[in-house]
């Protein structure tokens, strides 16, 4: 998506956040928030902390791998019988289209190049080079648009080229590049390694292989490994990186924010039918869709991500993460305390007081909740007097 500079209202909200953070003696956090508002938002594809060594095998251009979501290969492409056994005239015309596509690719007119390659394979589907060229153009389109379908089509073309010629080095390279961008580093490593066996001196393959090995080392083994790395970043004050690691752990648990939005709406409708005033506060209501397995792990990662976002003064996102955590585990104390602190920051004192009281009913010795309730109680009383 195209990024536009922040609008005046967005800048105004940033200045308000700065003022509040200064009031709470957090000048560094305030400055970080203001700077983040003036930068393009991180892409949805980001899944690991950025580092100088983090480069996807795509000719050396810096990029982040896709989040490790489930993905499915594109269906096989169907070719006319004449393209599988082309006559000389058709082969010559296909070569003309290929050369035209190459010229367009050099000029970075990738979509037009893809159309030319389409014409070429429609006439002659027996040349591995045409498929790897189209894969390169599709990969470039994906890098430009972020459309996963383009990347999956590029992977299909790379694998088609290897069906034609298993020793085609560019096919192995393109395949590995697509798999790395999809976050499947193990399969990408296998593709690069196999390509290197056919051309040991190929520097492009060698560089891609090294980058893939580095990426594999930086890939968490499981959600607990991701949580540990996130906690380390949090302790070092690298809150943005901590958010990325916690999100990576949630991906490994196949967590999806959209599912929780459905559950949240269901819970609110249930409470409305039960005449319960405040949504998300009644621990007795839970969604029938929510799976029991991984519920505790999911809630923990969401609560941790919420705290990292609170430290970044991304308070609304902190509240949203705490809401999601409590959908998975309604008795998660840290999630409720952090939501209360965030609501206190947003001056939603009654909501904060309700959460602090809920925590103290189950953990009367919780110091943070006791002090928080003391702070917000005065505001709640003042509101009632008015």
Foldseek 3Di string as FASTA:
>chain_A
DDDDFDDPVLLVVLVVLCVLCVVVVNNVLSVLSNVQNGDGDDDQQAQADDDPLQDFLLPGDRDHAGQQADDDADPADDEDPCQAVPDPVLQVVLVVLQVVLVVCVVVVVLVSSLVSLVSSSNSHVQALVSLLSNLSSLVSVCVVPVDVVSLSSSLSSLVSSCVNPVLPLSSLSSNLSSCVNNVNLVVSLVSLVSSCVSPVPDVSSVSNNVSSVVVVVRQAPALVSLQVVLVVCVVVVNLVNSLSSLVSNCVRVVDDLVVLVVFQVVQVVVCVVVVNDDGLLDLVDAGPPADLPCLQVQLVSLLSNLVSCVSSVVLVSSLSSLSSSCNSPVLPLSSLLSNLVSCVSVVVLVSSLSSLVVSCVVVVPPPSSVVSNVVSVVVVVVVVVD
